[in-house]
Amino acid sequence: MAEPRVIVYSQPFCGYCSAAKRLLKEKGGEYSEVDVMSEAGHREEMIEGSGARRTVPQIFIDGRHIGGYDDLSALDKSGELDRLLASPAP
C-alpha cells in the first residue's frame, strides 16, 4: 500500500506550520515540505492550487487541498484525517 502524498507549503518561523507538521508526524503521516520563501514560484504554485489562499501553511493530501492548520485540526477531530492518511494514493 502506497503512502498518500502529503504536501505542506510553509515558511520559516511559522507557528501554524510547525503545528501542522507536528500533527502529521503524530499521525504517522509522511509529508513533503515546500518552503514558499525559497523561490517565488513556490508561493504562486500554492496560491493557484489553494484557490487563492495566500497564508501558510497550505496542506494537500493526494492533490486534494485540505487548507491550513485549523482545517487539518478539524479533520483530525472528526476522524477524517486518519482515513485520508490511511488511504492509498490514487
PDB file of N, CA and C in Angstrom:
ATOM      1  N   MET A   1       0.852  -1.180   0.000  1.00  0.00           N
ATOM      2  CA  MET A   1       0.000   0.000   0.000  1.00  0.00           C
ATOM      3  C   MET A   1       0.897   1.242   0.000  1.00  0.00           C
ATOM      4  N   ALA A   2       0.665   2.139  -0.943  1.00  0.00           N
ATOM      5  CA  ALA A   2       1.472   3.358  -1.053  1.00  0.00           C
ATOM      6  C   ALA A   2       1.006   4.397  -0.043  1.00  0.00           C
ATOM      7  N   GLU A   3       1.960   5.153   0.428  1.00  0.00           N
ATOM      8  CA  GLU A   3       1.638   6.254   1.344  1.00  0.00           C
ATOM      9  C   GLU A   3       0.976   7.376   0.553  1.00  0.00           C
ATOM     10  N   PRO A   4      -0.022   8.032   1.132  1.00  0.00           N
ATOM     11  CA  PRO A   4      -0.598   9.192   0.435  1.00  0.00           C
ATOM     12  C   PRO A   4       0.446  10.287   0.290  1.00  0.00           C
ATOM     13  N   ARG A   5       0.364  11.013  -0.759  1.00  0.00           N
ATOM     14  CA  ARG A   5       1.298  12.122  -0.968  1.00  0.00           C
ATOM     15  C   ARG A   5       0.741  13.339  -0.250  1.00  0.00           C
ATOM     16  N   VAL A   6       1.471  13.788   0.758  1.00  0.00           N
ATOM     17  CA  VAL A   6       1.080  14.958   1.553  1.00  0.00           C
ATOM     18  C   VAL A   6       2.105  16.050   1.301  1.00  0.00           C
ATOM     19  N   ILE A   7       1.616  17.220   0.943  1.00  0.00           N
ATOM     20  CA  ILE A   7       2.492  18.370   0.714  1.00  0.00           C
ATOM     21  C   ILE A   7       2.065  19.476   1.660  1.00  0.00           C
ATOM     22  N   VAL A   8       3.053  20.035   2.360  1.00  0.00           N
ATOM     23  CA  VAL A   8       2.814  21.152   3.272  1.00  0.00           C
ATOM     24  C   VAL A   8       3.605  22.347   2.742  1.00  0.00           C
ATOM     25  N   TYR A   9       2.888  23.362   2.284  1.00  0.00           N
ATOM     26  CA  TYR A   9       3.530  24.625   1.896  1.00  0.00           C
ATOM     27  C   TYR A   9       3.691  25.426   3.180  1.00  0.00           C
ATOM     28  N   SER A  10       4.915  25.860   3.447  1.00  0.00           N
ATOM     29  CA  SER A  10       5.190  26.548   4.711  1.00  0.00           C
ATOM     30  C   SER A  10       6.263  27.600   4.518  1.00  0.00           C
ATOM     31  N   GLN A  11       6.605  28.247   5.613  1.00  0.00           N
ATOM     32  CA  GLN A  11       7.729  29.171   5.622  1.00  0.00           C
ATOM     33  C   GLN A  11       8.369  29.126   7.001  1.00  0.00           C
ATOM     34  N   PRO A  12       9.630  29.538   7.091  1.00  0.00           N
ATOM     35  CA  PRO A  12      10.329  29.505   8.373  1.00  0.00           C
ATOM     36  C   PRO A  12       9.643  30.383   9.425  1.00  0.00           C
ATOM     37  N   PHE A  13       9.779  29.988  10.661  1.00  0.00           N
ATOM     38  CA  PHE A  13       9.286  30.750  11.819  1.00  0.00           C
ATOM     39  C   PHE A  13       7.774  30.919  11.831  1.00  0.00           C
ATOM     40  N   CYS A  14       7.062  29.943  11.309  1.00  0.00           N
ATOM     41  CA  CYS A  14       5.598  29.970  11.259  1.00  0.00           C
ATOM     42  C   CYS A  14       5.066  28.961  12.270  1.00  0.00           C
ATOM     43  N   GLY A  15       4.430  29.451  13.318  1.00  0.00           N
ATOM     44  CA  GLY A  15       3.914  28.583  14.371  1.00  0.00           C
ATOM     45  C   GLY A  15       2.855  27.612  13.881  1.00  0.00           C
ATOM     46  N   TYR A  16       1.961  28.076  13.003  1.00  0.00           N
ATOM     47  CA  TYR A  16       0.920  27.188  12.478  1.00  0.00           C
ATOM     48  C   TYR A  16       1.512  26.117  11.567  1.00  0.00           C
ATOM     49  N   CYS A  17       2.563  26.471  10.848  1.00  0.00           N
ATOM     50  CA  CYS A  17       3.251  25.486  10.002  1.00  0.00           C
ATOM     51  C   CYS A  17       3.860  24.391  10.879  1.00  0.00           C
ATOM     52  N   SER A  18       4.511  24.809  11.952  1.00  0.00           N
ATOM     53  CA  SER A  18       5.110  23.845  12.882  1.00  0.00           C
ATOM     54  C   SER A  18       4.047  22.953  13.499  1.00  0.00           C
ATOM     55  N   ALA A  19       2.909  23.535  13.877  1.00  0.00           N
ATOM     56  CA  ALA A  19       1.822  22.757  14.480  1.00  0.00           C
ATOM     57  C   ALA A  19       1.270  21.737  13.478  1.00  0.00           C
ATOM     58  N   ALA A  20       1.108  22.138  12.228  1.00  0.00           N
ATOM     59  CA  ALA A  20       0.597  21.219  11.199  1.00  0.00           C
ATOM     60  C   ALA A  20       1.568  20.063  10.979  1.00  0.00           C
ATOM     61  N   LYS A  21       2.856  20.358  10.878  1.00  0.00           N
ATOM     62  CA  LYS A  21       3.851  19.311  10.666  1.00  0.00           C
ATOM     63  C   LYS A  21       3.921  18.381  11.874  1.00  0.00           C
ATOM     64  N   ARG A  22       3.795  18.940  13.067  1.00  0.00           N
ATOM     65  CA  ARG A  22       3.799  18.127  14.291  1.00  0.00           C
ATOM     66  C   ARG A  22       2.598  17.179  14.306  1.00  0.00           C
ATOM     67  N   LEU A  23       1.414  17.676  13.962  1.00  0.00           N
ATOM     68  CA  LEU A  23       0.218  16.839  13.931  1.00  0.00           C
ATOM     69  C   LEU A  23       0.376  15.707  12.913  1.00  0.00           C
ATOM     70  N   LEU A  24       0.887  16.035  11.736  1.00  0.00           N
ATOM     71  CA  LEU A  24       1.099  14.995  10.729  1.00  0.00           C
ATOM     72  C   LEU A  24       2.088  13.938  11.215  1.00  0.00           C
ATOM     73  N   LYS A  25       3.155  14.361  11.870  1.00  0.00           N
ATOM     74  CA  LYS A  25       4.129  13.404  12.419  1.00  0.00           C
ATOM     75  C   LYS A  25       3.489  12.520  13.473  1.00  0.00           C
ATOM     76  N   GLU A  26       2.675  13.113  14.348  1.00  0.00           N
ATOM     77  CA  GLU A  26       1.993  12.338  15.388  1.00  0.00           C
ATOM     78  C   GLU A  26       1.082  11.284  14.784  1.00  0.00           C
ATOM     79  N   LYS A  27       0.512  11.591  13.628  1.00  0.00           N
ATOM     80  CA  LYS A  27      -0.390  10.669  12.935  1.00  0.00           C
ATOM     81  C   LYS A  27       0.379   9.655  12.085  1.00  0.00           C
ATOM     82  N   GLY A  28       1.690   9.811  12.031  1.00  0.00           N
ATOM     83  CA  GLY A  28       2.495   8.910  11.220  1.00  0.00           C
ATOM     84  C   GLY A  28       2.475   9.245   9.743  1.00  0.00           C
ATOM     85  N   GLY A  29       1.972  10.417   9.417  1.00  0.00           N
ATOM     86  CA  GLY A  29       1.904  10.828   8.014  1.00  0.00           C
ATOM     87  C   GLY A  29       3.218  11.414   7.545  1.00  0.00           C
ATOM     88  N   GLU A  30       3.745  10.868   6.466  1.00  0.00           N
ATOM     89  CA  GLU A  30       4.944  11.432   5.870  1.00  0.00           C
ATOM     90  C   GLU A  30       4.521  12.551   4.934  1.00  0.00           C
ATOM     91  N   TYR A  31       5.331  13.587   4.879  1.00  0.00           N
ATOM     92  CA  TYR A  31       4.966  14.724   4.040  1.00  0.00           C
ATOM     93  C   TYR A  31       6.205  15.320   3.401  1.00  0.00           C
ATOM     94  N   SER A  32       5.957  16.037   2.312  1.00  0.00           N
ATOM     95  CA  SER A  32       6.992  16.838   1.669  1.00  0.00           C
ATOM     96  C   SER A  32       6.707  18.277   2.049  1.00  0.00           C
ATOM     97  N   GLU A  33       7.746  18.985   2.404  1.00  0.00           N
ATOM     98  CA  GLU A  33       7.583  20.392   2.779  1.00  0.00           C
ATOM     99  C   GLU A  33       8.106  21.266   1.657  1.00  0.00           C
ATOM    100  N   VAL A  34       7.335  22.286   1.305  1.00  0.00           N
ATOM    101  CA  VAL A  34       7.733  23.244   0.275  1.00  0.00           C
ATOM    102  C   VAL A  34       7.807  24.612   0.946  1.00  0.00           C
ATOM    103  N   ASP A  35       9.000  25.166   1.000  1.00  0.00           N
ATOM    104  CA  ASP A  35       9.229  26.474   1.608  1.00  0.00           C
ATOM    105  C   ASP A  35       8.902  27.554   0.584  1.00  0.00           C
ATOM    106  N   VAL A  36       7.824  28.298   0.828  1.00  0.00           N
ATOM    107  CA  VAL A  36       7.391  29.312  -0.139  1.00  0.00           C
ATOM    108  C   VAL A  36       8.301  30.540  -0.155  1.00  0.00           C
ATOM    109  N   MET A  37       9.194  30.641   0.819  1.00  0.00           N
ATOM    110  CA  MET A  37      10.126  31.770   0.854  1.00  0.00           C
ATOM    111  C   MET A  37      11.367  31.511  -0.011  1.00  0.00           C
ATOM    112  N   SER A  38      11.636  30.255  -0.317  1.00  0.00           N
ATOM    113  CA  SER A  38      12.867  29.924  -1.026  1.00  0.00           C
ATOM    114  C   SER A  38      12.830  30.300  -2.508  1.00  0.00           C
ATOM    115  N   GLU A  39      11.647  30.310  -3.112  1.00  0.00           N
ATOM    116  CA  GLU A  39      11.506  30.655  -4.516  1.00  0.00           C
ATOM    117  C   GLU A  39      10.131  31.243  -4.741  1.00  0.00           C
ATOM    118  N   ALA A  40      10.050  32.302  -5.488  1.00  0.00           N
ATOM    119  CA  ALA A  40       8.762  32.956  -5.745  1.00  0.00           C
ATOM    120  C   ALA A  40       7.776  31.990  -6.400  1.00  0.00           C
ATOM    121  N   GLY A  41       8.238  31.103  -7.220  1.00  0.00           N
ATOM    122  CA  GLY A  41       7.370  30.161  -7.915  1.00  0.00           C
ATOM    123  C   GLY A  41       6.604  29.244  -6.983  1.00  0.00           C
ATOM    124  N   HIS A  42       7.192  28.920  -5.838  1.00  0.00           N
ATOM    125  CA  HIS A  42       6.512  28.044  -4.885  1.00  0.00           C
ATOM    126  C   HIS A  42       5.267  28.721  -4.305  1.00  0.00           C
ATOM    127  N   ARG A  43       5.374  29.984  -3.984  1.00  0.00           N
ATOM    128  CA  ARG A  43       4.224  30.703  -3.431  1.00  0.00           C
ATOM    129  C   ARG A  43       3.111  30.779  -4.475  1.00  0.00           C
ATOM    130  N   GLU A  44       3.460  31.086  -5.712  1.00  0.00           N
ATOM    131  CA  GLU A  44       2.454  31.161  -6.777  1.00  0.00           C
ATOM    132  C   GLU A  44       1.786  29.802  -6.994  1.00  0.00           C
ATOM    133  N   GLU A  45       2.570  28.746  -6.947  1.00  0.00           N
ATOM    134  CA  GLU A  45       2.045  27.386  -7.073  1.00  0.00           C
ATOM    135  C   GLU A  45       1.035  27.092  -5.959  1.00  0.00           C
ATOM    136  N   MET A  46       1.371  27.488  -4.720  1.00  0.00           N
ATOM    137  CA  MET A  46       0.489  27.296  -3.574  1.00  0.00           C
ATOM    138  C   MET A  46      -0.805  28.089  -3.743  1.00  0.00           C
ATOM    139  N   ILE A  47      -0.687  29.347  -4.139  1.00  0.00           N
ATOM    140  CA  ILE A  47      -1.856  30.214  -4.300  1.00  0.00           C
ATOM    141  C   ILE A  47      -2.790  29.645  -5.372  1.00  0.00           C
ATOM    142  N   GLU A  48      -2.224  29.203  -6.473  1.00  0.00           N
ATOM    143  CA  GLU A  48      -3.039  28.646  -7.556  1.00  0.00           C
ATOM    144  C   GLU A  48      -3.750  27.366  -7.114  1.00  0.00           C
ATOM    145  N   GLY A  49      -3.037  26.490  -6.450  1.00  0.00           N
ATOM    146  CA  GLY A  49      -3.619  25.210  -6.038  1.00  0.00           C
ATOM    147  C   GLY A  49      -4.620  25.313  -4.903  1.00  0.00           C
ATOM    148  N   SER A  50      -4.525  26.384  -4.114  1.00  0.00           N
ATOM    149  CA  SER A  50      -5.371  26.509  -2.932  1.00  0.00           C
ATOM    150  C   SER A  50      -6.594  27.389  -3.144  1.00  0.00           C
ATOM    151  N   GLY A  51      -6.825  27.812  -4.363  1.00  0.00           N
ATOM    152  CA  GLY A  51      -7.972  28.684  -4.609  1.00  0.00           C
ATOM    153  C   GLY A  51      -7.720  30.096  -4.116  1.00  0.00           C
ATOM    154  N   ALA A  52      -6.504  30.571  -4.295  1.00  0.00           N
ATOM    155  CA  ALA A  52      -6.077  31.945  -3.988  1.00  0.00           C
ATOM    156  C   ALA A  52      -5.767  32.195  -2.517  1.00  0.00           C
ATOM    157  N   ARG A  53      -5.634  31.157  -1.721  1.00  0.00           N
ATOM    158  CA  ARG A  53      -5.210  31.378  -0.330  1.00  0.00           C
ATOM    159  C   ARG A  53      -3.735  31.739  -0.317  1.00  0.00           C
ATOM    160  N   ARG A  54      -3.405  32.745   0.468  1.00  0.00           N
ATOM    161  CA  ARG A  54      -2.041  33.267   0.500  1.00  0.00           C
ATOM    162  C   ARG A  54      -1.315  32.973   1.809  1.00  0.00           C
ATOM    163  N   THR A  55      -2.030  32.474   2.805  1.00  0.00           N
ATOM    164  CA  THR A  55      -1.413  32.216   4.105  1.00  0.00           C
ATOM    165  C   THR A  55      -0.826  30.808   4.151  1.00  0.00           C
ATOM    166  N   VAL A  56       0.149  30.635   5.011  1.00  0.00           N
ATOM    167  CA  VAL A  56       0.737  29.314   5.228  1.00  0.00           C
ATOM    168  C   VAL A  56       0.371  28.847   6.631  1.00  0.00           C
ATOM    169  N   PRO A  57       0.298  27.554   6.837  1.00  0.00           N
ATOM    170  CA  PRO A  57       0.533  26.507   5.853  1.00  0.00           C
ATOM    171  C   PRO A  57      -0.679  26.294   4.962  1.00  0.00           C
ATOM    172  N   GLN A  58      -0.423  25.711   3.817  1.00  0.00           N
ATOM    173  CA  GLN A  58      -1.475  25.169   2.959  1.00  0.00           C
ATOM    174  C   GLN A  58      -1.107  23.711   2.750  1.00  0.00           C
ATOM    175  N   ILE A  59      -2.074  22.835   3.002  1.00  0.00           N
ATOM    176  CA  ILE A  59      -1.809  21.402   3.035  1.00  0.00           C
ATOM    177  C   ILE A  59      -2.631  20.712   1.956  1.00  0.00           C
ATOM    178  N   PHE A  60      -1.977  19.776   1.266  1.00  0.00           N
ATOM    179  CA  PHE A  60      -2.617  18.977   0.222  1.00  0.00           C
ATOM    180  C   PHE A  60      -2.359  17.511   0.525  1.00  0.00           C
ATOM    181  N   ILE A  61      -3.393  16.692   0.388  1.00  0.00           N
ATOM    182  CA  ILE A  61      -3.251  15.246   0.528  1.00  0.00           C
ATOM    183  C   ILE A  61      -3.748  14.619  -0.762  1.00  0.00           C
ATOM    184  N   ASP A  62      -2.856  13.908  -1.443  1.00  0.00           N
ATOM    185  CA  ASP A  62      -3.165  13.292  -2.737  1.00  0.00           C
ATOM    186  C   ASP A  62      -3.774  14.292  -3.712  1.00  0.00           C
ATOM    187  N   GLY A  63      -3.235  15.500  -3.724  1.00  0.00           N
ATOM    188  CA  GLY A  63      -3.693  16.527  -4.644  1.00  0.00           C
ATOM    189  C   GLY A  63      -4.933  17.273  -4.190  1.00  0.00           C
ATOM    190  N   ARG A  64      -5.562  16.824  -3.118  1.00  0.00           N
ATOM    191  CA  ARG A  64      -6.761  17.493  -2.590  1.00  0.00           C
ATOM    192  C   ARG A  64      -6.338  18.588  -1.619  1.00  0.00           C
ATOM    193  N   HIS A  65      -6.819  19.791  -1.861  1.00  0.00           N
ATOM    194  CA  HIS A  65      -6.492  20.894  -0.965  1.00  0.00           C
ATOM    195  C   HIS A  65      -7.246  20.711   0.346  1.00  0.00           C
ATOM    196  N   ILE A  66      -6.510  20.623   1.442  1.00  0.00           N
ATOM    197  CA  ILE A  66      -7.090  20.444   2.777  1.00  0.00           C
ATOM    198  C   ILE A  66      -7.333  21.796   3.419  1.00  0.00           C
ATOM    199  N   GLY A  67      -6.397  22.728   3.233  1.00  0.00           N
ATOM    200  CA  GLY A  67      -6.485  24.049   3.841  1.00  0.00           C
ATOM    201  C   GLY A  67      -5.300  24.277   4.748  1.00  0.00           C
ATOM    202  N   GLY A  68      -5.516  25.093   5.767  1.00  0.00           N
ATOM    203  CA  GLY A  68      -4.454  25.416   6.707  1.00  0.00           C
ATOM    204  C   GLY A  68      -4.494  24.537   7.946  1.00  0.00           C
ATOM    205  N   TYR A  69      -3.789  24.982   8.975  1.00  0.00           N
ATOM    206  CA  TYR A  69      -3.715  24.182  10.198  1.00  0.00           C
ATOM    207  C   TYR A  69      -5.085  23.972  10.832  1.00  0.00           C
ATOM    208  N   ASP A  70      -5.905  25.013  10.901  1.00  0.00           N
ATOM    209  CA  ASP A  70      -7.231  24.867  11.514  1.00  0.00           C
ATOM    210  C   ASP A  70      -8.054  23.812  10.783  1.00  0.00           C
ATOM    211  N   ASP A  71      -7.968  23.785   9.473  1.00  0.00           N
ATOM    212  CA  ASP A  71      -8.697  22.794   8.679  1.00  0.00           C
ATOM    213  C   ASP A  71      -8.163  21.388   8.945  1.00  0.00           C
ATOM    214  N   LEU A  72      -6.840  21.265   9.025  1.00  0.00           N
ATOM    215  CA  LEU A  72      -6.214  19.976   9.310  1.00  0.00           C
ATOM    216  C   LEU A  72      -6.627  19.475  10.691  1.00  0.00           C
ATOM    217  N   SER A  73      -6.618  20.368  11.661  1.00  0.00           N
ATOM    218  CA  SER A  73      -7.007  20.020  13.026  1.00  0.00           C
ATOM    219  C   SER A  73      -8.472  19.579  13.090  1.00  0.00           C
ATOM    220  N   ALA A  74      -9.341  20.264  12.355  1.00  0.00           N
ATOM    221  CA  ALA A  74     -10.760  19.887  12.318  1.00  0.00           C
ATOM    222  C   ALA A  74     -10.934  18.496  11.709  1.00  0.00           C
ATOM    223  N   LEU A  75     -10.166  18.192  10.658  1.00  0.00           N
ATOM    224  CA  LEU A  75     -10.222  16.852  10.066  1.00  0.00           C
ATOM    225  C   LEU A  75      -9.766  15.804  11.078  1.00  0.00           C
ATOM    226  N   ASP A  76      -8.757  16.142  11.863  1.00  0.00           N
ATOM    227  CA  ASP A  76      -8.278  15.214  12.887  1.00  0.00           C
ATOM    228  C   ASP A  76      -9.360  14.959  13.929  1.00  0.00           C
ATOM    229  N   LYS A  77      -9.992  16.009  14.397  1.00  0.00           N
ATOM    230  CA  LYS A  77     -11.036  15.874  15.425  1.00  0.00           C
ATOM    231  C   LYS A  77     -12.225  15.057  14.924  1.00  0.00           C
ATOM    232  N   SER A  78     -12.520  15.151  13.629  1.00  0.00           N
ATOM    233  CA  SER A  78     -13.650  14.411  13.069  1.00  0.00           C
ATOM    234  C   SER A  78     -13.291  12.960  12.734  1.00  0.00           C
ATOM    235  N   GLY A  79     -12.000  12.633  12.761  1.00  0.00           N
ATOM    236  CA  GLY A  79     -11.553  11.288  12.397  1.00  0.00           C
ATOM    237  C   GLY A  79     -11.248  11.131  10.923  1.00  0.00           C
ATOM    238  N   GLU A  80     -11.550  12.146  10.139  1.00  0.00           N
ATOM    239  CA  GLU A  80     -11.347  12.084   8.693  1.00  0.00           C
ATOM    240  C   GLU A  80      -9.864  12.069   8.320  1.00  0.00           C
ATOM    241  N   LEU A  81      -9.022  12.721   9.096  1.00  0.00           N
ATOM    242  CA  LEU A  81      -7.599  12.771   8.778  1.00  0.00           C
ATOM    243  C   LEU A  81      -6.999  11.372   8.798  1.00  0.00           C
ATOM    244  N   ASP A  82      -7.365  10.566   9.778  1.00  0.00           N
ATOM    245  CA  ASP A  82      -6.849   9.184   9.829  1.00  0.00           C
ATOM    246  C   ASP A  82      -7.219   8.427   8.561  1.00  0.00           C
ATOM    247  N   ARG A  83      -8.447   8.591   8.105  1.00  0.00           N
ATOM    248  CA  ARG A  83      -8.894   7.912   6.891  1.00  0.00           C
ATOM    249  C   ARG A  83      -8.100   8.387   5.673  1.00  0.00           C
ATOM    250  N   LEU A  84      -7.910   9.710   5.575  1.00  0.00           N
ATOM    251  CA  LEU A  84      -7.162  10.252   4.433  1.00  0.00           C
ATOM    252  C   LEU A  84      -5.717   9.757   4.420  1.00  0.00           C
ATOM    253  N   LEU A  85      -5.109   9.702   5.593  1.00  0.00           N
ATOM    254  CA  LEU A  85      -3.704   9.269   5.659  1.00  0.00           C
ATOM    255  C   LEU A  85      -3.562   7.768   5.452  1.00  0.00           C
ATOM    256  N   ALA A  86      -4.619   7.003   5.731  1.00  0.00           N
ATOM    257  CA  ALA A  86      -4.577   5.563   5.565  1.00  0.00           C
ATOM    258  C   ALA A  86      -4.901   5.132   4.133  1.00  0.00           C
ATOM    259  N   SER A  87      -5.561   5.996   3.381  1.00  0.00           N
ATOM    260  CA  SER A  87      -5.958   5.658   2.009  1.00  0.00           C
ATOM    261  C   SER A  87      -4.755   5.635   1.093  1.00  0.00           C
ATOM    262  N   PRO A  88      -4.733   4.674   0.176  1.00  0.00           N
ATOM    263  CA  PRO A  88      -3.620   4.666  -0.784  1.00  0.00           C
ATOM    264  C   PRO A  88      -3.739   5.823  -1.761  1.00  0.00           C
ATOM    265  N   ALA A  89      -2.615   6.241  -2.264  1.00  0.00           N
ATOM    266  CA  ALA A  89      -2.607   7.325  -3.265  1.00  0.00           C
ATOM    267  C   ALA A  89      -3.317   6.835  -4.517  1.00  0.00           C
ATOM    268  N   PRO A  90      -4.067   7.725  -5.197  1.00  0.00           N
ATOM    269  CA  PRO A  90      -4.782   7.303  -6.417  1.00  0.00           C
ATOM    270  C   PRO A  90      -3.840   6.973  -7.547  1.00  0.00           C
TER     271      PRO A  90
END
